[in-house]
Amino acid sequence: LKKLEYLNKLYRNGYWGSELPEDTRPKKLDPNSEENA
């Protein structure tokens, strides 16, 4: 559990960056909008 919490902390802090292509998204796009969907 301690190791998992440490890994989660690294992930939340962006230590590994982002490898997900869908993270490349318009910066001004409201995530709650129909346009986002």
PDB file of all heavy atoms in Angstrom:
ATOM      1  N   LEU A   1       0.824  -1.202   0.000  1.00  0.00           N
ATOM      2  CA  LEU A   1       0.000   0.000   0.000  1.00  0.00           C
ATOM      3  C   LEU A   1       0.865   1.262   0.000  1.00  0.00           C
ATOM      4  O   LEU A   1       0.600   2.213  -0.725  1.00  0.00           O
ATOM      5  CB  LEU A   1      -0.949   0.010   1.199  1.00  0.00           C
ATOM      6  CG  LEU A   1      -1.925   1.170   1.288  1.00  0.00           C
ATOM      7  CD1 LEU A   1      -2.793   1.240   0.035  1.00  0.00           C
ATOM      8  CD2 LEU A   1      -2.787   1.054   2.521  1.00  0.00           C
ATOM      9  N   LYS A   2       1.916   1.250   0.793  1.00  0.00           N
ATOM     10  CA  LYS A   2       2.829   2.393   0.855  1.00  0.00           C
ATOM     11  C   LYS A   2       3.488   2.636  -0.507  1.00  0.00           C
ATOM     12  O   LYS A   2       3.591   3.778  -0.960  1.00  0.00           O
ATOM     13  CB  LYS A   2       3.895   2.155   1.928  1.00  0.00           C
ATOM     14  CG  LYS A   2       4.771   3.340   2.199  1.00  0.00           C
ATOM     15  CD  LYS A   2       5.717   3.077   3.369  1.00  0.00           C
ATOM     16  CE  LYS A   2       6.589   4.287   3.627  1.00  0.00           C
ATOM     17  NZ  LYS A   2       7.472   4.084   4.775  1.00  0.00           N
ATOM     18  N   LYS A   3       3.896   1.576  -1.176  1.00  0.00           N
ATOM     19  CA  LYS A   3       4.514   1.700  -2.499  1.00  0.00           C
ATOM     20  C   LYS A   3       3.502   2.216  -3.524  1.00  0.00           C
ATOM     21  O   LYS A   3       3.835   3.055  -4.365  1.00  0.00           O
ATOM     22  CB  LYS A   3       5.094   0.361  -2.950  1.00  0.00           C
ATOM     23  CG  LYS A   3       6.345  -0.016  -2.190  1.00  0.00           C
ATOM     24  CD  LYS A   3       6.898  -1.354  -2.633  1.00  0.00           C
ATOM     25  CE  LYS A   3       8.139  -1.701  -1.831  1.00  0.00           C
ATOM     26  NZ  LYS A   3       8.730  -2.967  -2.249  1.00  0.00           N
ATOM     27  N   LEU A   4       2.281   1.722  -3.450  1.00  0.00           N
ATOM     28  CA  LEU A   4       1.241   2.182  -4.371  1.00  0.00           C
ATOM     29  C   LEU A   4       0.915   3.655  -4.148  1.00  0.00           C
ATOM     30  O   LEU A   4       0.719   4.410  -5.117  1.00  0.00           O
ATOM     31  CB  LEU A   4      -0.016   1.327  -4.229  1.00  0.00           C
ATOM     32  CG  LEU A   4       0.082  -0.095  -4.769  1.00  0.00           C
ATOM     33  CD1 LEU A   4      -1.162  -0.898  -4.395  1.00  0.00           C
ATOM     34  CD2 LEU A   4       0.292  -0.086  -6.273  1.00  0.00           C
ATOM     35  N   GLU A   5       0.863   4.070  -2.896  1.00  0.00           N
ATOM     36  CA  GLU A   5       0.610   5.484  -2.594  1.00  0.00           C
ATOM     37  C   GLU A   5       1.734   6.358  -3.139  1.00  0.00           C
ATOM     38  O   GLU A   5       1.489   7.438  -3.680  1.00  0.00           O
ATOM     39  CB  GLU A   5       0.445   5.686  -1.090  1.00  0.00           C
ATOM     40  CG  GLU A   5      -0.877   5.153  -0.569  1.00  0.00           C
ATOM     41  CD  GLU A   5      -0.972   5.157   0.949  1.00  0.00           C
ATOM     42  OE1 GLU A   5       0.062   5.335   1.640  1.00  0.00           O
ATOM     43  OE2 GLU A   5      -2.100   4.981   1.452  1.00  0.00           O
ATOM     44  N   TYR A   6       2.976   5.878  -3.031  1.00  0.00           N
ATOM     45  CA  TYR A   6       4.112   6.619  -3.563  1.00  0.00           C
ATOM     46  C   TYR A   6       4.019   6.732  -5.089  1.00  0.00           C
ATOM     47  O   TYR A   6       4.212   7.801  -5.661  1.00  0.00           O
ATOM     48  CB  TYR A   6       5.420   5.944  -3.149  1.00  0.00           C
ATOM     49  CG  TYR A   6       6.640   6.598  -3.742  1.00  0.00           C
ATOM     50  CD1 TYR A   6       7.066   7.846  -3.286  1.00  0.00           C
ATOM     51  CD2 TYR A   6       7.369   5.982  -4.742  1.00  0.00           C
ATOM     52  CE1 TYR A   6       8.180   8.464  -3.821  1.00  0.00           C
ATOM     53  CE2 TYR A   6       8.481   6.592  -5.289  1.00  0.00           C
ATOM     54  CZ  TYR A   6       8.887   7.835  -4.826  1.00  0.00           C
ATOM     55  OH  TYR A   6       9.991   8.440  -5.372  1.00  0.00           O
ATOM     56  N   LEU A   7       3.703   5.638  -5.753  1.00  0.00           N
ATOM     57  CA  LEU A   7       3.550   5.657  -7.214  1.00  0.00           C
ATOM     58  C   LEU A   7       2.410   6.582  -7.635  1.00  0.00           C
ATOM     59  O   LEU A   7       2.526   7.326  -8.618  1.00  0.00           O
ATOM     60  CB  LEU A   7       3.309   4.236  -7.736  1.00  0.00           C
ATOM     61  CG  LEU A   7       4.495   3.292  -7.669  1.00  0.00           C
ATOM     62  CD1 LEU A   7       4.066   1.881  -8.055  1.00  0.00           C
ATOM     63  CD2 LEU A   7       5.627   3.777  -8.559  1.00  0.00           C
ATOM     64  N   ASN A   8       1.324   6.560  -6.886  1.00  0.00           N
ATOM     65  CA  ASN A   8       0.186   7.434  -7.182  1.00  0.00           C
ATOM     66  C   ASN A   8       0.584   8.903  -7.044  1.00  0.00           C
ATOM     67  O   ASN A   8       0.203   9.745  -7.842  1.00  0.00           O
ATOM     68  CB  ASN A   8      -0.992   7.092  -6.275  1.00  0.00           C
ATOM     69  CG  ASN A   8      -2.246   7.823  -6.658  1.00  0.00           C
ATOM     70  OD1 ASN A   8      -2.487   8.107  -7.832  1.00  0.00           O
ATOM     71  ND2 ASN A   8      -3.065   8.130  -5.680  1.00  0.00           N
ATOM     72  N   LYS A   9       1.373   9.205  -6.017  1.00  0.00           N
ATOM     73  CA  LYS A   9       1.848  10.574  -5.812  1.00  0.00           C
ATOM     74  C   LYS A   9       2.718  11.020  -6.987  1.00  0.00           C
ATOM     75  O   LYS A   9       2.567  12.132  -7.499  1.00  0.00           O
ATOM     76  CB  LYS A   9       2.637  10.664  -4.499  1.00  0.00           C
ATOM     77  CG  LYS A   9       3.155  12.047  -4.200  1.00  0.00           C
ATOM     78  CD  LYS A   9       3.933  12.066  -2.887  1.00  0.00           C
ATOM     79  CE  LYS A   9       4.525  13.440  -2.646  1.00  0.00           C
ATOM     80  NZ  LYS A   9       5.322  13.465  -1.418  1.00  0.00           N
ATOM     81  N   LEU A  10       3.617  10.154  -7.423  1.00  0.00           N
ATOM     82  CA  LEU A  10       4.450  10.479  -8.584  1.00  0.00           C
ATOM     83  C   LEU A  10       3.585  10.745  -9.815  1.00  0.00           C
ATOM     84  O   LEU A  10       3.814  11.697 -10.564  1.00  0.00           O
ATOM     85  CB  LEU A  10       5.431   9.341  -8.873  1.00  0.00           C
ATOM     86  CG  LEU A  10       6.561   9.130  -7.878  1.00  0.00           C
ATOM     87  CD1 LEU A  10       7.370   7.886  -8.252  1.00  0.00           C
ATOM     88  CD2 LEU A  10       7.463  10.350  -7.810  1.00  0.00           C
ATOM     89  N   TYR A  11       2.592   9.894 -10.025  1.00  0.00           N
ATOM     90  CA  TYR A  11       1.691  10.055 -11.170  1.00  0.00           C
ATOM     91  C   TYR A  11       0.944  11.384 -11.103  1.00  0.00           C
ATOM     92  O   TYR A  11       0.894  12.135 -12.068  1.00  0.00           O
ATOM     93  CB  TYR A  11       0.705   8.887 -11.225  1.00  0.00           C
ATOM     94  CG  TYR A  11      -0.388   9.086 -12.247  1.00  0.00           C
ATOM     95  CD1 TYR A  11      -0.126   8.946 -13.596  1.00  0.00           C
ATOM     96  CD2 TYR A  11      -1.675   9.447 -11.856  1.00  0.00           C
ATOM     97  CE1 TYR A  11      -1.117   9.136 -14.537  1.00  0.00           C
ATOM     98  CE2 TYR A  11      -2.669   9.648 -12.786  1.00  0.00           C
ATOM     99  CZ  TYR A  11      -2.389   9.488 -14.130  1.00  0.00           C
ATOM    100  OH  TYR A  11      -3.367   9.698 -15.049  1.00  0.00           O
ATOM    101  N   ARG A  12       0.340  11.698  -9.954  1.00  0.00           N
ATOM    102  CA  ARG A  12      -0.432  12.940  -9.794  1.00  0.00           C
ATOM    103  C   ARG A  12       0.434  14.181  -9.999  1.00  0.00           C
ATOM    104  O   ARG A  12      -0.042  15.206 -10.459  1.00  0.00           O
ATOM    105  CB  ARG A  12      -1.091  12.988  -8.417  1.00  0.00           C
ATOM    106  CG  ARG A  12      -2.326  12.133  -8.290  1.00  0.00           C
ATOM    107  CD  ARG A  12      -3.082  12.446  -6.995  1.00  0.00           C
ATOM    108  NE  ARG A  12      -2.212  12.714  -5.866  1.00  0.00           N
ATOM    109  CZ  ARG A  12      -1.917  11.855  -4.903  1.00  0.00           C
ATOM    110  NH1 ARG A  12      -2.455  10.658  -4.913  1.00  0.00           N
ATOM    111  NH2 ARG A  12      -1.111  12.187  -3.908  1.00  0.00           N
ATOM    112  N   ASN A  13       1.688  14.086  -9.627  1.00  0.00           N
ATOM    113  CA  ASN A  13       2.594  15.220  -9.770  1.00  0.00           C
ATOM    114  C   ASN A  13       3.210  15.319 -11.165  1.00  0.00           C
ATOM    115  O   ASN A  13       4.045  16.178 -11.417  1.00  0.00           O
ATOM    116  CB  ASN A  13       3.699  15.165  -8.710  1.00  0.00           C
ATOM    117  CG  ASN A  13       3.163  15.437  -7.327  1.00  0.00           C
ATOM    118  OD1 ASN A  13       2.190  16.160  -7.156  1.00  0.00           O
ATOM    119  ND2 ASN A  13       3.788  14.853  -6.326  1.00  0.00           N
ATOM    120  N   GLY A  14       2.801  14.440 -12.071  1.00  0.00           N
ATOM    121  CA  GLY A  14       3.262  14.517 -13.456  1.00  0.00           C
ATOM    122  C   GLY A  14       4.679  14.030 -13.669  1.00  0.00           C
ATOM    123  O   GLY A  14       5.309  14.361 -14.677  1.00  0.00           O
ATOM    124  N   TYR A  15       5.189  13.226 -12.754  1.00  0.00           N
ATOM    125  CA  TYR A  15       6.570  12.766 -12.857  1.00  0.00           C
ATOM    126  C   TYR A  15       6.840  12.046 -14.175  1.00  0.00           C
ATOM    127  O   TYR A  15       7.889  12.204 -14.769  1.00  0.00           O
ATOM    128  CB  TYR A  15       6.894  11.853 -11.676  1.00  0.00           C
ATOM    129  CG  TYR A  15       8.300  11.303 -11.705  1.00  0.00           C
ATOM    130  CD1 TYR A  15       9.383  12.105 -11.325  1.00  0.00           C
ATOM    131  CD2 TYR A  15       8.553  10.007 -12.114  1.00  0.00           C
ATOM    132  CE1 TYR A  15      10.674  11.605 -11.361  1.00  0.00           C
ATOM    133  CE2 TYR A  15       9.845   9.505 -12.152  1.00  0.00           C
ATOM    134  CZ  TYR A  15      10.897  10.303 -11.782  1.00  0.00           C
ATOM    135  OH  TYR A  15      12.170   9.812 -11.817  1.00  0.00           O
ATOM    136  N   TRP A  16       5.894  11.234 -14.633  1.00  0.00           N
ATOM    137  CA  TRP A  16       6.087  10.467 -15.856  1.00  0.00           C
ATOM    138  C   TRP A  16       5.604  11.197 -17.099  1.00  0.00           C
ATOM    139  O   TRP A  16       5.727  10.695 -18.205  1.00  0.00           O
ATOM    140  CB  TRP A  16       5.383   9.107 -15.762  1.00  0.00           C
ATOM    141  CG  TRP A  16       6.024   8.196 -14.784  1.00  0.00           C
ATOM    142  CD1 TRP A  16       7.287   7.710 -14.837  1.00  0.00           C
ATOM    143  CD2 TRP A  16       5.449   7.663 -13.605  1.00  0.00           C
ATOM    144  NE1 TRP A  16       7.533   6.912 -13.757  1.00  0.00           N
ATOM    145  CE2 TRP A  16       6.432   6.859 -12.982  1.00  0.00           C
ATOM    146  CE3 TRP A  16       4.205   7.782 -13.010  1.00  0.00           C
ATOM    147  CZ2 TRP A  16       6.192   6.175 -11.803  1.00  0.00           C
ATOM    148  CZ3 TRP A  16       3.972   7.103 -11.835  1.00  0.00           C
ATOM    149  CH2 TRP A  16       4.952   6.315 -11.233  1.00  0.00           C
ATOM    150  N   GLY A  17       5.022  12.350 -16.943  1.00  0.00           N
ATOM    151  CA  GLY A  17       4.487  13.054 -18.105  1.00  0.00           C
ATOM    152  C   GLY A  17       3.227  12.389 -18.582  1.00  0.00           C
ATOM    153  O   GLY A  17       2.566  11.649 -17.864  1.00  0.00           O
ATOM    154  N   SER A  18       2.887  12.642 -19.820  1.00  0.00           N
ATOM    155  CA  SER A  18       1.671  12.063 -20.389  1.00  0.00           C
ATOM    156  C   SER A  18       2.005  11.358 -21.687  1.00  0.00           C
ATOM    157  O   SER A  18       2.592  11.932 -22.578  1.00  0.00           O
ATOM    158  CB  SER A  18       0.642  13.153 -20.647  1.00  0.00           C
ATOM    159  OG  SER A  18      -0.442  12.610 -21.333  1.00  0.00           O
ATOM    160  N   GLU A  19       1.618  10.139 -21.775  1.00  0.00           N
ATOM    161  CA  GLU A  19       1.818   9.374 -22.998  1.00  0.00           C
ATOM    162  C   GLU A  19       0.498   9.145 -23.728  1.00  0.00           C
ATOM    163  O   GLU A  19       0.461   8.527 -24.752  1.00  0.00           O
ATOM    164  CB  GLU A  19       2.464   8.024 -22.670  1.00  0.00           C
ATOM    165  CG  GLU A  19       3.862   8.152 -22.106  1.00  0.00           C
ATOM    166  CD  GLU A  19       4.852   8.776 -23.083  1.00  0.00           C
ATOM    167  OE1 GLU A  19       4.757   8.518 -24.290  1.00  0.00           O
ATOM    168  OE2 GLU A  19       5.714   9.541 -22.626  1.00  0.00           O
ATOM    169  N   LEU A  20      -0.584   9.624 -23.140  1.00  0.00           N
ATOM    170  CA  LEU A  20      -1.889   9.397 -23.749  1.00  0.00           C
ATOM    171  C   LEU A  20      -2.134  10.436 -24.836  1.00  0.00           C
ATOM    172  O   LEU A  20      -2.127  11.633 -24.569  1.00  0.00           O
ATOM    173  CB  LEU A  20      -2.993   9.472 -22.687  1.00  0.00           C
ATOM    174  CG  LEU A  20      -2.890   8.444 -21.569  1.00  0.00           C
ATOM    175  CD1 LEU A  20      -3.946   8.714 -20.515  1.00  0.00           C
ATOM    176  CD2 LEU A  20      -3.023   7.049 -22.122  1.00  0.00           C
ATOM    177  N   PRO A  21      -2.355   9.995 -26.061  1.00  0.00           N
ATOM    178  CA  PRO A  21      -2.544  10.957 -27.149  1.00  0.00           C
ATOM    179  C   PRO A  21      -3.748  11.862 -26.950  1.00  0.00           C
ATOM    180  O   PRO A  21      -3.743  13.015 -27.363  1.00  0.00           O
ATOM    181  CB  PRO A  21      -2.697  10.086 -28.390  1.00  0.00           C
ATOM    182  CG  PRO A  21      -3.042   8.733 -27.890  1.00  0.00           C
ATOM    183  CD  PRO A  21      -2.448   8.629 -26.518  1.00  0.00           C
ATOM    184  N   GLU A  22      -4.783  11.373 -26.286  1.00  0.00           N
ATOM    185  CA  GLU A  22      -5.964  12.200 -26.078  1.00  0.00           C
ATOM    186  C   GLU A  22      -5.734  13.316 -25.068  1.00  0.00           C
ATOM    187  O   GLU A  22      -6.580  14.186 -24.897  1.00  0.00           O
ATOM    188  CB  GLU A  22      -7.182  11.359 -25.701  1.00  0.00           C
ATOM    189  CG  GLU A  22      -7.010  10.521 -24.476  1.00  0.00           C
ATOM    190  CD  GLU A  22      -6.429   9.146 -24.743  1.00  0.00           C
ATOM    191  OE1 GLU A  22      -5.863   8.899 -25.812  1.00  0.00           O
ATOM    192  OE2 GLU A  22      -6.540   8.302 -23.843  1.00  0.00           O
ATOM    193  N   ASP A  23      -4.561  13.309 -24.415  1.00  0.00           N
ATOM    194  CA  ASP A  23      -4.213  14.432 -23.543  1.00  0.00           C
ATOM    195  C   ASP A  23      -3.828  15.663 -24.352  1.00  0.00           C
ATOM    196  O   ASP A  23      -3.727  16.752 -23.823  1.00  0.00           O
ATOM    197  CB  ASP A  23      -3.074  14.060 -22.596  1.00  0.00           C
ATOM    198  CG  ASP A  23      -3.543  13.157 -21.467  1.00  0.00           C
ATOM    199  OD1 ASP A  23      -4.769  13.044 -21.273  1.00  0.00           O
ATOM    200  OD2 ASP A  23      -2.691  12.567 -20.791  1.00  0.00           O
ATOM    201  N   THR A  24      -3.574  15.472 -25.642  1.00  0.00           N
ATOM    202  CA  THR A  24      -3.327  16.594 -26.538  1.00  0.00           C
ATOM    203  C   THR A  24      -4.701  17.110 -26.931  1.00  0.00           C
ATOM    204  O   THR A  24      -5.366  16.543 -27.773  1.00  0.00           O
ATOM    205  CB  THR A  24      -2.565  16.126 -27.797  1.00  0.00           C
ATOM    206  OG1 THR A  24      -1.385  15.487 -27.384  1.00  0.00           O
ATOM    207  CG2 THR A  24      -2.254  17.277 -28.709  1.00  0.00           C
ATOM    208  N   ARG A  25      -5.144  18.161 -26.289  1.00  0.00           N
ATOM    209  CA  ARG A  25      -6.498  18.663 -26.508  1.00  0.00           C
ATOM    210  C   ARG A  25      -6.473  20.175 -26.502  1.00  0.00           C
ATOM    211  O   ARG A  25      -5.561  20.779 -25.947  1.00  0.00           O
ATOM    212  CB  ARG A  25      -7.444  18.143 -25.438  1.00  0.00           C
ATOM    213  CG  ARG A  25      -7.082  18.590 -24.028  1.00  0.00           C
ATOM    214  CD  ARG A  25      -7.885  17.956 -22.945  1.00  0.00           C
ATOM    215  NE  ARG A  25      -9.197  18.406 -22.665  1.00  0.00           N
ATOM    216  CZ  ARG A  25      -9.567  19.635 -22.316  1.00  0.00           C
ATOM    217  NH1 ARG A  25      -8.711  20.602 -22.270  1.00  0.00           N
ATOM    218  NH2 ARG A  25     -10.799  19.909 -22.028  1.00  0.00           N
ATOM    219  N   PRO A  26      -7.460  20.797 -27.130  1.00  0.00           N
ATOM    220  CA  PRO A  26      -7.538  22.257 -27.111  1.00  0.00           C
ATOM    221  C   PRO A  26      -7.600  22.775 -25.671  1.00  0.00           C
ATOM    222  O   PRO A  26      -8.366  22.280 -24.852  1.00  0.00           O
ATOM    223  CB  PRO A  26      -8.837  22.556 -27.854  1.00  0.00           C
ATOM    224  CG  PRO A  26      -9.067  21.353 -28.701  1.00  0.00           C
ATOM    225  CD  PRO A  26      -8.522  20.208 -27.921  1.00  0.00           C
ATOM    226  N   LYS A  27      -6.789  23.741 -25.370  1.00  0.00           N
ATOM    227  CA  LYS A  27      -6.689  24.245 -24.003  1.00  0.00           C
ATOM    228  C   LYS A  27      -7.923  25.028 -23.564  1.00  0.00           C
ATOM    229  O   LYS A  27      -8.250  25.060 -22.405  1.00  0.00           O
ATOM    230  CB  LYS A  27      -5.446  25.101 -23.864  1.00  0.00           C
ATOM    231  CG  LYS A  27      -4.182  24.292 -24.158  1.00  0.00           C
ATOM    232  CD  LYS A  27      -2.946  24.955 -23.684  1.00  0.00           C
ATOM    233  CE  LYS A  27      -1.683  24.226 -24.041  1.00  0.00           C
ATOM    234  NZ  LYS A  27      -1.696  22.877 -24.346  1.00  0.00           N
ATOM    235  N   LYS A  28      -8.617  25.652 -24.496  1.00  0.00           N
ATOM    236  CA  LYS A  28      -9.779  26.472 -24.148  1.00  0.00           C
ATOM    237  C   LYS A  28     -11.088  25.693 -24.220  1.00  0.00           C
ATOM    238  O   LYS A  28     -12.154  26.264 -24.150  1.00  0.00           O
ATOM    239  CB  LYS A  28      -9.851  27.694 -25.062  1.00  0.00           C
ATOM    240  CG  LYS A  28      -8.674  28.630 -24.875  1.00  0.00           C
ATOM    241  CD  LYS A  28      -8.790  29.841 -25.767  1.00  0.00           C
ATOM    242  CE  LYS A  28      -7.602  30.758 -25.572  1.00  0.00           C
ATOM    243  NZ  LYS A  28      -7.688  31.946 -26.417  1.00  0.00           N
ATOM    244  N   LEU A  29     -11.016  24.396 -24.360  1.00  0.00           N
ATOM    245  CA  LEU A  29     -12.207  23.566 -24.498  1.00  0.00           C
ATOM    246  C   LEU A  29     -12.773  23.235 -23.123  1.00  0.00           C
ATOM    247  O   LEU A  29     -12.101  22.647 -22.276  1.00  0.00           O
ATOM    248  CB  LEU A  29     -11.852  22.280 -25.246  1.00  0.00           C
ATOM    249  CG  LEU A  29     -12.979  21.362 -25.639  1.00  0.00           C
ATOM    250  CD1 LEU A  29     -13.991  22.075 -26.520  1.00  0.00           C
ATOM    251  CD2 LEU A  29     -12.432  20.154 -26.368  1.00  0.00           C
ATOM    252  N   ASP A  30     -14.015  23.630 -22.889  1.00  0.00           N
ATOM    253  CA  ASP A  30     -14.685  23.368 -21.612  1.00  0.00           C
ATOM    254  C   ASP A  30     -14.952  21.859 -21.502  1.00  0.00           C
ATOM    255  O   ASP A  30     -15.686  21.302 -22.315  1.00  0.00           O
ATOM    256  CB  ASP A  30     -16.001  24.148 -21.549  1.00  0.00           C
ATOM    257  CG  ASP A  30     -16.811  23.870 -20.292  1.00  0.00           C
ATOM    258  OD1 ASP A  30     -16.355  23.103 -19.423  1.00  0.00           O
ATOM    259  OD2 ASP A  30     -17.914  24.433 -20.186  1.00  0.00           O
ATOM    260  N   PRO A  31     -14.360  21.181 -20.519  1.00  0.00           N
ATOM    261  CA  PRO A  31     -14.531  19.733 -20.410  1.00  0.00           C
ATOM    262  C   PRO A  31     -15.961  19.293 -20.132  1.00  0.00           C
ATOM    263  O   PRO A  31     -16.284  18.124 -20.280  1.00  0.00           O
ATOM    264  CB  PRO A  31     -13.602  19.342 -19.254  1.00  0.00           C
ATOM    265  CG  PRO A  31     -13.316  20.584 -18.516  1.00  0.00           C
ATOM    266  CD  PRO A  31     -13.509  21.726 -19.464  1.00  0.00           C
ATOM    267  N   ASN A  32     -16.849  20.214 -19.777  1.00  0.00           N
ATOM    268  CA  ASN A  32     -18.241  19.870 -19.500  1.00  0.00           C
ATOM    269  C   ASN A  32     -19.181  20.253 -20.629  1.00  0.00           C
ATOM    270  O   ASN A  32     -20.396  20.187 -20.464  1.00  0.00           O
ATOM    271  CB  ASN A  32     -18.688  20.551 -18.203  1.00  0.00           C
ATOM    272  CG  ASN A  32     -17.867  20.091 -17.020  1.00  0.00           C
ATOM    273  OD1 ASN A  32     -17.659  18.901 -16.842  1.00  0.00           O
ATOM    274  ND2 ASN A  32     -17.376  21.015 -16.233  1.00  0.00           N
ATOM    275  N   SER A  33     -18.636  20.635 -21.771  1.00  0.00           N
ATOM    276  CA  SER A  33     -19.469  21.126 -22.867  1.00  0.00           C
ATOM    277  C   SER A  33     -19.807  20.035 -23.883  1.00  0.00           C
ATOM    278  O   SER A  33     -19.132  19.003 -23.974  1.00  0.00           O
ATOM    279  CB  SER A  33     -18.758  22.271 -23.591  1.00  0.00           C
ATOM    280  OG  SER A  33     -17.606  21.773 -24.255  1.00  0.00           O
ATOM    281  N   GLU A  34     -20.856  20.298 -24.650  1.00  0.00           N
ATOM    282  CA  GLU A  34     -21.210  19.402 -25.757  1.00  0.00           C
ATOM    283  C   GLU A  34     -20.079  19.402 -26.783  1.00  0.00           C
ATOM    284  O   GLU A  34     -19.769  18.377 -27.382  1.00  0.00           O
ATOM    285  CB  GLU A  34     -22.517  19.858 -26.415  1.00  0.00           C
ATOM    286  CG  GLU A  34     -22.938  18.985 -27.567  1.00  0.00           C
ATOM    287  CD  GLU A  34     -24.238  19.435 -28.211  1.00  0.00           C
ATOM    288  OE1 GLU A  34     -24.819  20.442 -27.780  1.00  0.00           O
ATOM    289  OE2 GLU A  34     -24.664  18.772 -29.158  1.00  0.00           O
ATOM    290  N   GLU A  35     -19.454  20.556 -26.969  1.00  0.00           N
ATOM    291  CA  GLU A  35     -18.337  20.685 -27.898  1.00  0.00           C
ATOM    292  C   GLU A  35     -17.187  19.743 -27.499  1.00  0.00           C
ATOM    293  O   GLU A  35     -16.555  19.125 -28.348  1.00  0.00           O
ATOM    294  CB  GLU A  35     -17.867  22.142 -27.892  1.00  0.00           C
ATOM    295  CG  GLU A  35     -16.954  22.519 -29.010  1.00  0.00           C
ATOM    296  CD  GLU A  35     -16.675  24.012 -29.008  1.00  0.00           C
ATOM    297  OE1 GLU A  35     -16.447  24.608 -27.931  1.00  0.00           O
ATOM    298  OE2 GLU A  35     -16.669  24.573 -30.102  1.00  0.00           O
ATOM    299  N   ASN A  36     -16.952  19.600 -26.222  1.00  0.00           N
ATOM    300  CA  ASN A  36     -15.927  18.682 -25.732  1.00  0.00           C
ATOM    301  C   ASN A  36     -16.279  17.240 -26.104  1.00  0.00           C
ATOM    302  O   ASN A  36     -15.426  16.478 -26.560  1.00  0.00           O
ATOM    303  CB  ASN A  36     -15.788  18.813 -24.216  1.00  0.00           C
ATOM    304  CG  ASN A  36     -14.689  17.949 -23.659  1.00  0.00           C
ATOM    305  OD1 ASN A  36     -13.522  18.190 -23.890  1.00  0.00           O
ATOM    306  ND2 ASN A  36     -15.069  16.930 -22.911  1.00  0.00           N
ATOM    307  N   ALA A  37     -17.534  16.872 -25.923  1.00  0.00           N
ATOM    308  CA  ALA A  37     -17.979  15.515 -26.263  1.00  0.00           C
ATOM    309  C   ALA A  37     -17.796  15.243 -27.752  1.00  0.00           C
ATOM    310  O   ALA A  37     -17.323  14.167 -28.143  1.00  0.00           O
ATOM    311  CB  ALA A  37     -19.439  15.318 -25.865  1.00  0.00           C
TER     312      ALA A  37
END
